[in-house]
């Protein structure tokens, strides 16, 4: 998604409302500016980055479940 905003004389930028809501950026929230070459990213600072990242990856079958299924197939083939 791409949005645009103008920088004020004081260097302030308005973060669009839908982006603020989606990323839980509220008045007083702290944000971090990260540079990647010529690209500048704004990211909310979170107290617990591990908890904030929980559930971001798609669920995958556990290795234990895969091993149990393989053992069942082996046993059925005996």
Protein backbone atom coordinates (compact mmCIF):
# COMPACT_ATOMS: atom_id res chain seq x y z
CA UNK A 1 0.00 0.00 0.00
CA UNK A 2 1.24 3.47 -0.77
CA UNK A 3 0.12 6.75 0.80
CA UNK A 4 1.53 10.28 0.52
CA UNK A 5 1.77 13.14 3.00
CA UNK A 6 3.48 16.54 2.91
CA UNK A 7 6.20 17.60 5.32
CA UNK A 8 5.44 20.83 7.22
CA UNK A 9 7.90 23.67 7.77
CA UNK A 10 8.62 22.16 11.20
CA UNK A 11 9.44 18.76 9.63
CA UNK A 12 6.19 17.15 10.79
CA UNK A 13 4.34 14.54 8.74
CA UNK A 14 0.73 13.39 9.08
CA UNK A 15 0.38 9.61 9.27
CA UNK A 16 -2.89 8.64 7.52
CA UNK A 17 -5.64 7.54 9.92
CA UNK A 18 -6.14 4.06 8.49
CA UNK A 19 -2.43 3.32 8.91
CA UNK A 20 -2.42 4.68 12.49
CA UNK A 21 -5.40 2.46 13.36
CA UNK A 22 -3.96 -0.66 11.72
CA UNK A 23 -0.63 -0.26 13.55
CA UNK A 24 -2.09 1.05 16.84
CA UNK A 25 -0.25 4.38 16.63
CA UNK A 26 -2.01 6.74 19.05
CA UNK A 27 -1.16 10.21 20.34
CA UNK A 28 2.02 9.90 22.38
CA UNK A 29 3.10 6.68 20.64
CA UNK A 30 6.78 6.47 19.83
CA UNK A 31 7.87 5.74 16.26
CA UNK A 32 11.27 4.83 14.84
CA UNK A 33 12.72 6.03 11.54
CA UNK A 34 14.76 3.42 9.66
CA UNK A 35 16.77 4.15 6.52
CA UNK A 36 17.30 1.55 3.79
CA UNK A 37 19.44 3.38 1.24
CA UNK A 38 17.16 6.07 -0.17
CA UNK A 39 14.03 4.65 1.50
CA UNK A 40 12.90 5.92 4.92
CA UNK A 41 10.49 3.72 6.89
CA UNK A 42 8.46 4.69 9.95
CA UNK A 43 7.83 1.87 12.42
CA UNK A 44 6.00 1.96 15.75
CA UNK A 45 8.20 1.21 18.76
CA UNK A 46 6.76 -1.66 20.77
CA UNK A 47 7.56 -2.52 24.40
CA UNK A 48 7.81 -6.26 23.72
CA UNK A 49 8.80 -6.96 20.09
CA UNK A 50 8.45 -10.73 20.55
CA UNK A 51 4.84 -10.42 21.74
CA UNK A 52 4.10 -7.93 18.94
CA UNK A 53 5.44 -10.37 16.34
CA UNK A 54 3.49 -13.36 17.72
CA UNK A 55 1.15 -14.77 15.09
CA UNK A 56 2.71 -12.95 12.13
CA UNK A 57 3.93 -16.13 10.48
CA UNK A 58 1.45 -18.54 8.93
CA UNK A 59 0.80 -21.58 11.10
CA UNK A 60 2.83 -24.59 10.05
CA UNK A 61 2.47 -28.17 11.17
CA UNK A 62 4.75 -28.91 14.10
CA UNK A 63 7.69 -31.22 13.56
CA UNK A 64 6.29 -33.49 16.26
CA UNK A 65 3.00 -33.83 14.32
CA UNK A 66 4.90 -34.60 11.12
CA UNK A 67 7.00 -37.23 12.91
CA UNK A 68 3.90 -38.88 14.42
CA UNK A 69 2.22 -38.99 11.00
CA UNK A 70 5.33 -40.53 9.46
CA UNK A 71 5.42 -43.16 12.22
CA UNK A 72 1.72 -43.97 11.58
CA UNK A 73 2.41 -44.45 7.86
CA UNK A 74 5.43 -46.63 8.63
CA UNK A 75 3.40 -48.76 11.03
CA UNK A 76 0.53 -49.13 8.54
CA UNK A 77 2.99 -50.25 5.86
CA UNK A 78 4.51 -53.05 7.96
